[in-house]
């Protein structure tokens, strides 16, 4: 019985190559990872936009740029808190965020 099953599997295994199926699997895994990587919020682009649009060297402009970026960083920490256990352990409550100076 085992020999018949082995011959049967060997005959039909050549119809769909394993490397072909493995290629689809690797493509799927890498595309999912890349999609997650692209959705991570990076504050650099926003900081450049804020620096370009909120002009001025006075105190009000500086505080406006700083406040906007602090809110952007706070939103990132809140997102990371819901995803990462390490960030959640570091900031379990909003009081921990206030103590760290994120708000």
PDB file of N, CA and C in Angstrom:
ATOM      1  N   UNK A   1       0.812  -1.188   0.000  1.00  0.00           N
ATOM      2  CA  UNK A   1       0.000   0.000   0.000  1.00  0.00           C
ATOM      3  C   UNK A   1       0.866   1.266   0.000  1.00  0.00           C
ATOM      4  N   UNK A   2       1.936   1.269   0.818  1.00  0.00           N
ATOM      5  CA  UNK A   2       2.814   2.438   0.884  1.00  0.00           C
ATOM      6  C   UNK A   2       3.510   2.678  -0.456  1.00  0.00           C
ATOM      7  N   UNK A   3       3.904   1.586  -1.112  1.00  0.00           N
ATOM      8  CA  UNK A   3       4.581   1.734  -2.404  1.00  0.00           C
ATOM      9  C   UNK A   3       3.643   2.335  -3.442  1.00  0.00           C
ATOM     10  N   UNK A   4       2.387   1.912  -3.434  1.00  0.00           N
ATOM     11  CA  UNK A   4       1.427   2.464  -4.387  1.00  0.00           C
ATOM     12  C   UNK A   4       1.188   3.949  -4.121  1.00  0.00           C
ATOM     13  N   UNK A   5       1.098   4.319  -2.847  1.00  0.00           N
ATOM     14  CA  UNK A   5       0.917   5.726  -2.497  1.00  0.00           C
ATOM     15  C   UNK A   5       2.137   6.551  -2.901  1.00  0.00           C
ATOM     16  N   UNK A   6       3.323   5.996  -2.716  1.00  0.00           N
ATOM     17  CA  UNK A   6       4.550   6.712  -3.093  1.00  0.00           C
ATOM     18  C   UNK A   6       4.613   6.924  -4.601  1.00  0.00           C
ATOM     19  N   UNK A   7       4.275   5.916  -5.352  1.00  0.00           N
ATOM     20  CA  UNK A   7       4.281   6.040  -6.818  1.00  0.00           C
ATOM     21  C   UNK A   7       3.224   7.039  -7.270  1.00  0.00           C
ATOM     22  N   UNK A   8       2.068   7.011  -6.648  1.00  0.00           N
ATOM     23  CA  UNK A   8       0.994   7.949  -6.986  1.00  0.00           C
ATOM     24  C   UNK A   8       1.425   9.395  -6.713  1.00  0.00           C
ATOM     25  N   UNK A   9       2.000   9.615  -5.536  1.00  0.00           N
ATOM     26  CA  UNK A   9       2.442  10.969  -5.187  1.00  0.00           C
ATOM     27  C   UNK A   9       3.582  11.426  -6.079  1.00  0.00           C
ATOM     28  N   UNK A  10       4.493  10.548  -6.413  1.00  0.00           N
ATOM     29  CA  UNK A  10       5.612  10.913  -7.275  1.00  0.00           C
ATOM     30  C   UNK A  10       5.135  11.271  -8.675  1.00  0.00           C
ATOM     31  N   UNK A  11       4.150  10.580  -9.156  1.00  0.00           N
ATOM     32  CA  UNK A  11       3.630  10.851 -10.502  1.00  0.00           C
ATOM     33  C   UNK A  11       2.966  12.220 -10.575  1.00  0.00           C
ATOM     34  N   UNK A  12       2.193  12.585  -9.570  1.00  0.00           N
ATOM     35  CA  UNK A  12       1.462  13.849  -9.604  1.00  0.00           C
ATOM     36  C   UNK A  12       2.245  15.022  -9.023  1.00  0.00           C
ATOM     37  N   UNK A  13       3.334  14.762  -8.337  1.00  0.00           N
ATOM     38  CA  UNK A  13       4.142  15.851  -7.786  1.00  0.00           C
ATOM     39  C   UNK A  13       4.868  16.614  -8.875  1.00  0.00           C
ATOM     40  N   UNK A  14       5.107  15.994 -10.001  1.00  0.00           N
ATOM     41  CA  UNK A  14       5.807  16.651 -11.096  1.00  0.00           C
ATOM     42  C   UNK A  14       4.913  17.587 -11.894  1.00  0.00           C
ATOM     43  N   UNK A  15       3.610  17.526 -11.707  1.00  0.00           N
ATOM     44  CA  UNK A  15       2.704  18.391 -12.465  1.00  0.00           C
ATOM     45  C   UNK A  15       2.808  19.847 -12.033  1.00  0.00           C
ATOM     46  N   UNK A  16       2.887  20.093 -10.722  1.00  0.00           N
ATOM     47  CA  UNK A  16       3.033  21.447 -10.187  1.00  0.00           C
ATOM     48  C   UNK A  16       4.347  21.483  -9.421  1.00  0.00           C
ATOM     49  N   UNK A  17       5.341  22.170  -9.959  1.00  0.00           N
ATOM     50  CA  UNK A  17       6.639  22.198  -9.269  1.00  0.00           C
ATOM     51  C   UNK A  17       6.546  22.924  -7.926  1.00  0.00           C
ATOM     52  N   UNK A  18       7.284  22.424  -6.963  1.00  0.00           N
ATOM     53  CA  UNK A  18       7.278  22.997  -5.624  1.00  0.00           C
ATOM     54  C   UNK A  18       7.852  24.411  -5.649  1.00  0.00           C
ATOM     55  N   UNK A  19       8.858  24.655  -6.459  1.00  0.00           N
ATOM     56  CA  UNK A  19       9.451  25.994  -6.525  1.00  0.00           C
ATOM     57  C   UNK A  19       8.451  27.018  -7.038  1.00  0.00           C
ATOM     58  N   UNK A  20       7.556  26.605  -7.914  1.00  0.00           N
ATOM     59  CA  UNK A  20       6.508  27.498  -8.424  1.00  0.00           C
ATOM     60  C   UNK A  20       5.565  27.925  -7.305  1.00  0.00           C
ATOM     61  N   UNK A  21       5.112  26.972  -6.509  1.00  0.00           N
ATOM     62  CA  UNK A  21       4.221  27.264  -5.385  1.00  0.00           C
ATOM     63  C   UNK A  21       4.971  28.053  -4.309  1.00  0.00           C
ATOM     64  N   UNK A  22       6.219  27.705  -4.062  1.00  0.00           N
ATOM     65  CA  UNK A  22       7.017  28.412  -3.075  1.00  0.00           C
ATOM     66  C   UNK A  22       7.227  29.871  -3.480  1.00  0.00           C
ATOM     67  N   UNK A  23       7.369  30.133  -4.756  1.00  0.00           N
ATOM     68  CA  UNK A  23       7.506  31.504  -5.240  1.00  0.00           C
ATOM     69  C   UNK A  23       6.281  32.339  -4.920  1.00  0.00           C
ATOM     70  N   UNK A  24       5.095  31.774  -5.111  1.00  0.00           N
ATOM     71  CA  UNK A  24       3.864  32.493  -4.758  1.00  0.00           C
ATOM     72  C   UNK A  24       3.794  32.765  -3.265  1.00  0.00           C
ATOM     73  N   UNK A  25       4.191  31.790  -2.464  1.00  0.00           N
ATOM     74  CA  UNK A  25       4.143  31.953  -1.015  1.00  0.00           C
ATOM     75  C   UNK A  25       5.100  33.057  -0.560  1.00  0.00           C
ATOM     76  N   UNK A  26       6.322  33.034  -1.057  1.00  0.00           N
ATOM     77  CA  UNK A  26       7.304  34.055  -0.671  1.00  0.00           C
ATOM     78  C   UNK A  26       6.836  35.435  -1.118  1.00  0.00           C
ATOM     79  N   UNK A  27       6.275  35.531  -2.306  1.00  0.00           N
ATOM     80  CA  UNK A  27       5.752  36.810  -2.788  1.00  0.00           C
ATOM     81  C   UNK A  27       4.650  37.323  -1.884  1.00  0.00           C
ATOM     82  N   UNK A  28       3.776  36.453  -1.446  1.00  0.00           N
ATOM     83  CA  UNK A  28       2.694  36.842  -0.549  1.00  0.00           C
ATOM     84  C   UNK A  28       3.233  37.334   0.795  1.00  0.00           C
ATOM     85  N   UNK A  29       4.177  36.612   1.371  1.00  0.00           N
ATOM     86  CA  UNK A  29       4.728  36.996   2.671  1.00  0.00           C
ATOM     87  C   UNK A  29       5.465  38.327   2.576  1.00  0.00           C
ATOM     88  N   UNK A  30       6.273  38.498   1.554  1.00  0.00           N
ATOM     89  CA  UNK A  30       7.048  39.734   1.418  1.00  0.00           C
ATOM     90  C   UNK A  30       6.129  40.920   1.136  1.00  0.00           C
ATOM     91  N   UNK A  31       5.098  40.729   0.324  1.00  0.00           N
ATOM     92  CA  UNK A  31       4.185  41.846   0.039  1.00  0.00           C
ATOM     93  C   UNK A  31       3.396  42.241   1.280  1.00  0.00           C
ATOM     94  N   UNK A  32       3.022  41.295   2.115  1.00  0.00           N
ATOM     95  CA  UNK A  32       2.342  41.650   3.367  1.00  0.00           C
ATOM     96  C   UNK A  32       3.278  42.413   4.297  1.00  0.00           C
ATOM     97  N   UNK A  33       4.529  41.963   4.399  1.00  0.00           N
ATOM     98  CA  UNK A  33       5.492  42.653   5.252  1.00  0.00           C
ATOM     99  C   UNK A  33       5.739  44.065   4.733  1.00  0.00           C
ATOM    100  N   UNK A  34       5.906  44.213   3.444  1.00  0.00           N
ATOM    101  CA  UNK A  34       6.170  45.526   2.881  1.00  0.00           C
ATOM    102  C   UNK A  34       4.977  46.459   3.087  1.00  0.00           C
ATOM    103  N   UNK A  35       3.768  45.938   2.984  1.00  0.00           N
ATOM    104  CA  UNK A  35       2.575  46.738   3.247  1.00  0.00           C
ATOM    105  C   UNK A  35       2.532  47.237   4.677  1.00  0.00           C
ATOM    106  N   UNK A  36       2.911  46.389   5.623  1.00  0.00           N
ATOM    107  CA  UNK A  36       2.954  46.821   7.019  1.00  0.00           C
ATOM    108  C   UNK A  36       4.046  47.857   7.236  1.00  0.00           C
ATOM    109  N   UNK A  37       5.181  47.681   6.587  1.00  0.00           N
ATOM    110  CA  UNK A  37       6.277  48.626   6.730  1.00  0.00           C
ATOM    111  C   UNK A  37       5.898  49.999   6.169  1.00  0.00           C
ATOM    112  N   UNK A  38       5.164  50.011   5.068  1.00  0.00           N
ATOM    113  CA  UNK A  38       4.756  51.284   4.477  1.00  0.00           C
ATOM    114  C   UNK A  38       3.716  52.003   5.328  1.00  0.00           C
ATOM    115  N   UNK A  39       2.959  51.278   6.121  1.00  0.00           N
ATOM    116  CA  UNK A  39       1.924  51.897   6.939  1.00  0.00           C
ATOM    117  C   UNK A  39       2.424  52.397   8.291  1.00  0.00           C
ATOM    118  N   UNK A  40       3.684  52.169   8.607  1.00  0.00           N
ATOM    119  CA  UNK A  40       4.249  52.696   9.849  1.00  0.00           C
ATOM    120  C   UNK A  40       4.399  54.208   9.698  1.00  0.00           C
ATOM    121  N   UNK A  41       3.857  54.983  10.627  1.00  0.00           N
ATOM    122  CA  UNK A  41       3.974  56.441  10.489  1.00  0.00           C
ATOM    123  C   UNK A  41       5.390  56.918  10.801  1.00  0.00           C
ATOM    124  N   UNK A  42       5.985  57.615   9.855  1.00  0.00           N
ATOM    125  CA  UNK A  42       7.311  58.195  10.035  1.00  0.00           C
ATOM    126  C   UNK A  42       7.139  59.699  10.133  1.00  0.00           C
ATOM    127  N   UNK A  43       7.614  60.325  11.202  1.00  0.00           N
ATOM    128  CA  UNK A  43       7.387  61.762  11.388  1.00  0.00           C
ATOM    129  C   UNK A  43       8.316  62.648  10.563  1.00  0.00           C
ATOM    130  N   UNK A  44       9.293  62.095   9.880  1.00  0.00           N
ATOM    131  CA  UNK A  44      10.268  62.912   9.153  1.00  0.00           C
ATOM    132  C   UNK A  44       9.622  63.736   8.044  1.00  0.00           C
ATOM    133  N   UNK A  45       8.791  63.107   7.249  1.00  0.00           N
ATOM    134  CA  UNK A  45       8.150  63.821   6.143  1.00  0.00           C
ATOM    135  C   UNK A  45       7.225  64.916   6.672  1.00  0.00           C
ATOM    136  N   UNK A  46       6.489  64.592   7.729  1.00  0.00           N
ATOM    137  CA  UNK A  46       5.611  65.597   8.325  1.00  0.00           C
ATOM    138  C   UNK A  46       6.415  66.753   8.909  1.00  0.00           C
ATOM    139  N   UNK A  47       7.552  66.447   9.528  1.00  0.00           N
ATOM    140  CA  UNK A  47       8.393  67.504  10.096  1.00  0.00           C
ATOM    141  C   UNK A  47       8.917  68.427   8.999  1.00  0.00           C
ATOM    142  N   UNK A  48       9.275  67.869   7.865  1.00  0.00           N
ATOM    143  CA  UNK A  48       9.731  68.709   6.753  1.00  0.00           C
ATOM    144  C   UNK A  48       8.606  69.587   6.238  1.00  0.00           C
ATOM    145  N   UNK A  49       7.398  69.038   6.154  1.00  0.00           N
ATOM    146  CA  UNK A  49       6.253  69.836   5.706  1.00  0.00           C
ATOM    147  C   UNK A  49       5.920  70.938   6.709  1.00  0.00           C
ATOM    148  N   UNK A  50       5.934  70.608   7.976  1.00  0.00           N
ATOM    149  CA  UNK A  50       5.646  71.613   9.002  1.00  0.00           C
ATOM    150  C   UNK A  50       6.709  72.703   8.979  1.00  0.00           C
ATOM    151  N   UNK A  51       7.963  72.302   8.849  1.00  0.00           N
ATOM    152  CA  UNK A  51       9.034  73.286   8.795  1.00  0.00           C
ATOM    153  C   UNK A  51       8.949  74.179   7.569  1.00  0.00           C
ATOM    154  N   UNK A  52       8.427  73.642   6.475  1.00  0.00           N
ATOM    155  CA  UNK A  52       8.302  74.437   5.259  1.00  0.00           C
ATOM    156  C   UNK A  52       7.096  75.344   5.240  1.00  0.00           C
ATOM    157  N   UNK A  53       6.029  74.952   5.908  1.00  0.00           N
ATOM    158  CA  UNK A  53       4.791  75.731   5.844  1.00  0.00           C
ATOM    159  C   UNK A  53       4.604  76.686   7.024  1.00  0.00           C
ATOM    160  N   UNK A  54       5.113  76.332   8.185  1.00  0.00           N
ATOM    161  CA  UNK A  54       5.006  77.223   9.343  1.00  0.00           C
ATOM    162  C   UNK A  54       6.313  78.005   9.415  1.00  0.00           C
ATOM    163  N   UNK A  55       6.321  79.123   8.766  1.00  0.00           N
ATOM    164  CA  UNK A  55       7.563  79.904   8.657  1.00  0.00           C
ATOM    165  C   UNK A  55       7.683  80.909   9.783  1.00  0.00           C
ATOM    166  N   UNK A  56       8.889  81.359   9.968  1.00  0.00           N
ATOM    167  CA  UNK A  56       9.138  82.384  10.957  1.00  0.00           C
ATOM    168  C   UNK A  56      10.184  81.944  11.954  1.00  0.00           C
ATOM    169  N   UNK A  57      10.928  82.921  12.447  1.00  0.00           N
ATOM    170  CA  UNK A  57      11.969  82.637  13.433  1.00  0.00           C
ATOM    171  C   UNK A  57      11.566  83.129  14.823  1.00  0.00           C
ATOM    172  N   UNK A  58      10.335  83.644  14.931  1.00  0.00           N
ATOM    173  CA  UNK A  58       9.896  84.149  16.234  1.00  0.00           C
ATOM    174  C   UNK A  58       9.451  83.018  17.140  1.00  0.00           C
ATOM    175  N   UNK A  59       9.158  83.346  18.355  1.00  0.00           N
ATOM    176  CA  UNK A  59       8.807  82.354  19.378  1.00  0.00           C
ATOM    177  C   UNK A  59       7.492  81.654  19.069  1.00  0.00           C
ATOM    178  N   UNK A  60       6.514  82.383  18.532  1.00  0.00           N
ATOM    179  CA  UNK A  60       5.201  81.792  18.235  1.00  0.00           C
ATOM    180  C   UNK A  60       5.326  80.726  17.145  1.00  0.00           C
ATOM    181  N   UNK A  61       6.087  81.012  16.107  1.00  0.00           N
ATOM    182  CA  UNK A  61       6.273  80.038  15.022  1.00  0.00           C
ATOM    183  C   UNK A  61       7.007  78.801  15.519  1.00  0.00           C
ATOM    184  N   UNK A  62       8.016  79.024  16.323  1.00  0.00           N
ATOM    185  CA  UNK A  62       8.774  77.894  16.861  1.00  0.00           C
ATOM    186  C   UNK A  62       7.906  77.009  17.735  1.00  0.00           C
ATOM    187  N   UNK A  63       7.090  77.626  18.590  1.00  0.00           N
ATOM    188  CA  UNK A  63       6.192  76.851  19.455  1.00  0.00           C
ATOM    189  C   UNK A  63       5.108  76.144  18.652  1.00  0.00           C
ATOM    190  N   UNK A  64       4.655  76.756  17.568  1.00  0.00           N
ATOM    191  CA  UNK A  64       3.659  76.112  16.712  1.00  0.00           C
ATOM    192  C   UNK A  64       4.248  74.866  16.058  1.00  0.00           C
ATOM    193  N   UNK A  65       5.449  74.992  15.492  1.00  0.00           N
ATOM    194  CA  UNK A  65       6.104  73.823  14.887  1.00  0.00           C
ATOM    195  C   UNK A  65       6.341  72.730  15.925  1.00  0.00           C
ATOM    196  N   UNK A  66       6.800  73.124  17.089  1.00  0.00           N
ATOM    197  CA  UNK A  66       7.075  72.153  18.143  1.00  0.00           C
ATOM    198  C   UNK A  66       5.798  71.451  18.598  1.00  0.00           C
ATOM    199  N   UNK A  67       4.723  72.210  18.755  1.00  0.00           N
ATOM    200  CA  UNK A  67       3.459  71.621  19.201  1.00  0.00           C
ATOM    201  C   UNK A  67       2.906  70.653  18.159  1.00  0.00           C
ATOM    202  N   UNK A  68       2.972  71.035  16.895  1.00  0.00           N
ATOM    203  CA  UNK A  68       2.479  70.142  15.843  1.00  0.00           C
ATOM    204  C   UNK A  68       3.256  68.830  15.825  1.00  0.00           C
ATOM    205  N   UNK A  69       4.561  68.899  15.976  1.00  0.00           N
ATOM    206  CA  UNK A  69       5.361  67.676  15.963  1.00  0.00           C
ATOM    207  C   UNK A  69       5.173  66.854  17.237  1.00  0.00           C
ATOM    208  N   UNK A  70       4.921  67.531  18.348  1.00  0.00           N
ATOM    209  CA  UNK A  70       4.632  66.773  19.571  1.00  0.00           C
ATOM    210  C   UNK A  70       3.323  66.010  19.440  1.00  0.00           C
ATOM    211  N   UNK A  71       2.324  66.621  18.822  1.00  0.00           N
ATOM    212  CA  UNK A  71       1.066  65.906  18.576  1.00  0.00           C
ATOM    213  C   UNK A  71       1.261  64.747  17.604  1.00  0.00           C
ATOM    214  N   UNK A  72       2.095  64.953  16.607  1.00  0.00           N
ATOM    215  CA  UNK A  72       2.382  63.868  15.662  1.00  0.00           C
ATOM    216  C   UNK A  72       3.084  62.713  16.365  1.00  0.00           C
ATOM    217  N   UNK A  73       4.060  63.027  17.203  1.00  0.00           N
ATOM    218  CA  UNK A  73       4.750  61.968  17.955  1.00  0.00           C
ATOM    219  C   UNK A  73       3.821  61.287  18.946  1.00  0.00           C
ATOM    220  N   UNK A  74       2.927  62.049  19.561  1.00  0.00           N
ATOM    221  CA  UNK A  74       1.958  61.454  20.476  1.00  0.00           C
ATOM    222  C   UNK A  74       1.034  60.494  19.740  1.00  0.00           C
ATOM    223  N   UNK A  75       0.580  60.873  18.566  1.00  0.00           N
ATOM    224  CA  UNK A  75      -0.293  59.964  17.809  1.00  0.00           C
ATOM    225  C   UNK A  75       0.458  58.694  17.426  1.00  0.00           C
ATOM    226  N   UNK A  76       1.745  58.815  17.103  1.00  0.00           N
ATOM    227  CA  UNK A  76       2.532  57.619  16.809  1.00  0.00           C
ATOM    228  C   UNK A  76       2.668  56.708  18.010  1.00  0.00           C
ATOM    229  N   UNK A  77       2.914  57.297  19.176  1.00  0.00           N
ATOM    230  CA  UNK A  77       3.032  56.483  20.394  1.00  0.00           C
ATOM    231  C   UNK A  77       1.707  55.797  20.715  1.00  0.00           C
ATOM    232  N   UNK A  78       0.600  56.487  20.506  1.00  0.00           N
ATOM    233  CA  UNK A  78      -0.708  55.867  20.762  1.00  0.00           C
ATOM    234  C   UNK A  78      -0.966  54.711  19.806  1.00  0.00           C
ATOM    235  N   UNK A  79      -0.530  54.844  18.568  1.00  0.00           N
ATOM    236  CA  UNK A  79      -0.679  53.743  17.609  1.00  0.00           C
ATOM    237  C   UNK A  79       0.226  52.586  18.009  1.00  0.00           C
ATOM    238  N   UNK A  80       1.481  52.893  18.318  1.00  0.00           N
ATOM    239  CA  UNK A  80       2.412  51.829  18.705  1.00  0.00           C
ATOM    240  C   UNK A  80       1.978  51.135  19.981  1.00  0.00           C
ATOM    241  N   UNK A  81       1.332  51.861  20.874  1.00  0.00           N
ATOM    242  CA  UNK A  81       0.840  51.259  22.124  1.00  0.00           C
ATOM    243  C   UNK A  81      -0.170  50.169  21.862  1.00  0.00           C
ATOM    244  N   UNK A  82      -0.994  50.346  20.839  1.00  0.00           N
ATOM    245  CA  UNK A  82      -2.013  49.334  20.540  1.00  0.00           C
ATOM    246  C   UNK A  82      -1.438  48.145  19.785  1.00  0.00           C
ATOM    247  N   UNK A  83      -0.219  48.262  19.267  1.00  0.00           N
ATOM    248  CA  UNK A  83       0.379  47.193  18.472  1.00  0.00           C
ATOM    249  C   UNK A  83       1.498  46.474  19.213  1.00  0.00           C
ATOM    250  N   UNK A  84       2.343  47.223  19.896  1.00  0.00           N
ATOM    251  CA  UNK A  84       3.552  46.671  20.506  1.00  0.00           C
ATOM    252  C   UNK A  84       3.383  46.522  22.013  1.00  0.00           C
ATOM    253  N   UNK A  85       3.707  45.353  22.505  1.00  0.00           N
ATOM    254  CA  UNK A  85       3.624  45.139  23.949  1.00  0.00           C
ATOM    255  C   UNK A  85       4.724  45.893  24.686  1.00  0.00           C
ATOM    256  N   UNK A  86       5.879  46.070  24.052  1.00  0.00           N
ATOM    257  CA  UNK A  86       6.967  46.807  24.698  1.00  0.00           C
ATOM    258  C   UNK A  86       6.582  48.269  24.909  1.00  0.00           C
ATOM    259  N   UNK A  87       5.944  48.872  23.927  1.00  0.00           N
ATOM    260  CA  UNK A  87       5.519  50.262  24.075  1.00  0.00           C
ATOM    261  C   UNK A  87       4.380  50.351  25.079  1.00  0.00           C
ATOM    262  N   UNK A  88       3.496  49.362  25.081  1.00  0.00           N
ATOM    263  CA  UNK A  88       2.398  49.374  26.048  1.00  0.00           C
ATOM    264  C   UNK A  88       2.916  49.234  27.476  1.00  0.00           C
ATOM    265  N   UNK A  89       3.958  48.431  27.657  1.00  0.00           N
ATOM    266  CA  UNK A  89       4.547  48.313  28.993  1.00  0.00           C
ATOM    267  C   UNK A  89       5.209  49.617  29.416  1.00  0.00           C
ATOM    268  N   UNK A  90       5.781  50.343  28.468  1.00  0.00           N
ATOM    269  CA  UNK A  90       6.436  51.617  28.786  1.00  0.00           C
ATOM    270  C   UNK A  90       5.413  52.703  29.077  1.00  0.00           C
ATOM    271  N   UNK A  91       4.290  52.711  28.343  1.00  0.00           N
ATOM    272  CA  UNK A  91       3.239  53.719  28.506  1.00  0.00           C
ATOM    273  C   UNK A  91       1.891  53.036  28.713  1.00  0.00           C
ATOM    274  N   UNK A  92       1.632  52.431  29.873  1.00  0.00           N
ATOM    275  CA  UNK A  92       0.358  51.731  30.068  1.00  0.00           C
ATOM    276  C   UNK A  92      -0.836  52.673  30.213  1.00  0.00           C
ATOM    277  N   UNK A  93      -0.631  53.868  30.728  1.00  0.00           N
ATOM    278  CA  UNK A  93      -1.729  54.821  30.896  1.00  0.00           C
ATOM    279  C   UNK A  93      -1.332  56.163  30.305  1.00  0.00           C
ATOM    280  N   UNK A  94      -2.312  57.049  30.222  1.00  0.00           N
ATOM    281  CA  UNK A  94      -2.005  58.387  29.720  1.00  0.00           C
ATOM    282  C   UNK A  94      -1.167  59.178  30.717  1.00  0.00           C
ATOM    283  N   UNK A  95      -1.242  58.817  31.977  1.00  0.00           N
ATOM    284  CA  UNK A  95      -0.398  59.474  32.977  1.00  0.00           C
ATOM    285  C   UNK A  95       1.090  59.212  32.692  1.00  0.00           C
ATOM    286  N   UNK A  96       1.404  58.019  32.229  1.00  0.00           N
ATOM    287  CA  UNK A  96       2.793  57.718  31.890  1.00  0.00           C
ATOM    288  C   UNK A  96       3.242  58.553  30.696  1.00  0.00           C
ATOM    289  N   UNK A  97       2.337  58.822  29.771  1.00  0.00           N
ATOM    290  CA  UNK A  97       2.663  59.687  28.635  1.00  0.00           C
ATOM    291  C   UNK A  97       2.931  61.113  29.110  1.00  0.00           C
ATOM    292  N   UNK A  98       2.120  61.579  30.050  1.00  0.00           N
ATOM    293  CA  UNK A  98       2.300  62.948  30.574  1.00  0.00           C
ATOM    294  C   UNK A  98       3.624  63.040  31.315  1.00  0.00           C
ATOM    295  N   UNK A  99       3.944  62.012  32.106  1.00  0.00           N
ATOM    296  CA  UNK A  99       5.206  62.038  32.855  1.00  0.00           C
ATOM    297  C   UNK A  99       6.413  62.019  31.928  1.00  0.00           C
ATOM    298  N   UNK A 100       6.270  61.351  30.794  1.00  0.00           N
ATOM    299  CA  UNK A 100       7.382  61.279  29.848  1.00  0.00           C
ATOM    300  C   UNK A 100       7.480  62.532  29.001  1.00  0.00           C
ATOM    301  N   UNK A 101       6.475  63.404  29.084  1.00  0.00           N
ATOM    302  CA  UNK A 101       6.518  64.649  28.321  1.00  0.00           C
ATOM    303  C   UNK A 101       6.015  64.516  26.909  1.00  0.00           C
ATOM    304  N   UNK A 102       5.202  63.514  26.624  1.00  0.00           N
ATOM    305  CA  UNK A 102       4.694  63.315  25.273  1.00  0.00           C
ATOM    306  C   UNK A 102       3.476  64.162  24.979  1.00  0.00           C
ATOM    307  N   UNK A 103       2.810  64.698  25.998  1.00  0.00           N
ATOM    308  CA  UNK A 103       1.617  65.513  25.743  1.00  0.00           C
ATOM    309  C   UNK A 103       1.878  66.957  26.105  1.00  0.00           C
TER     310      UNK A 103
END
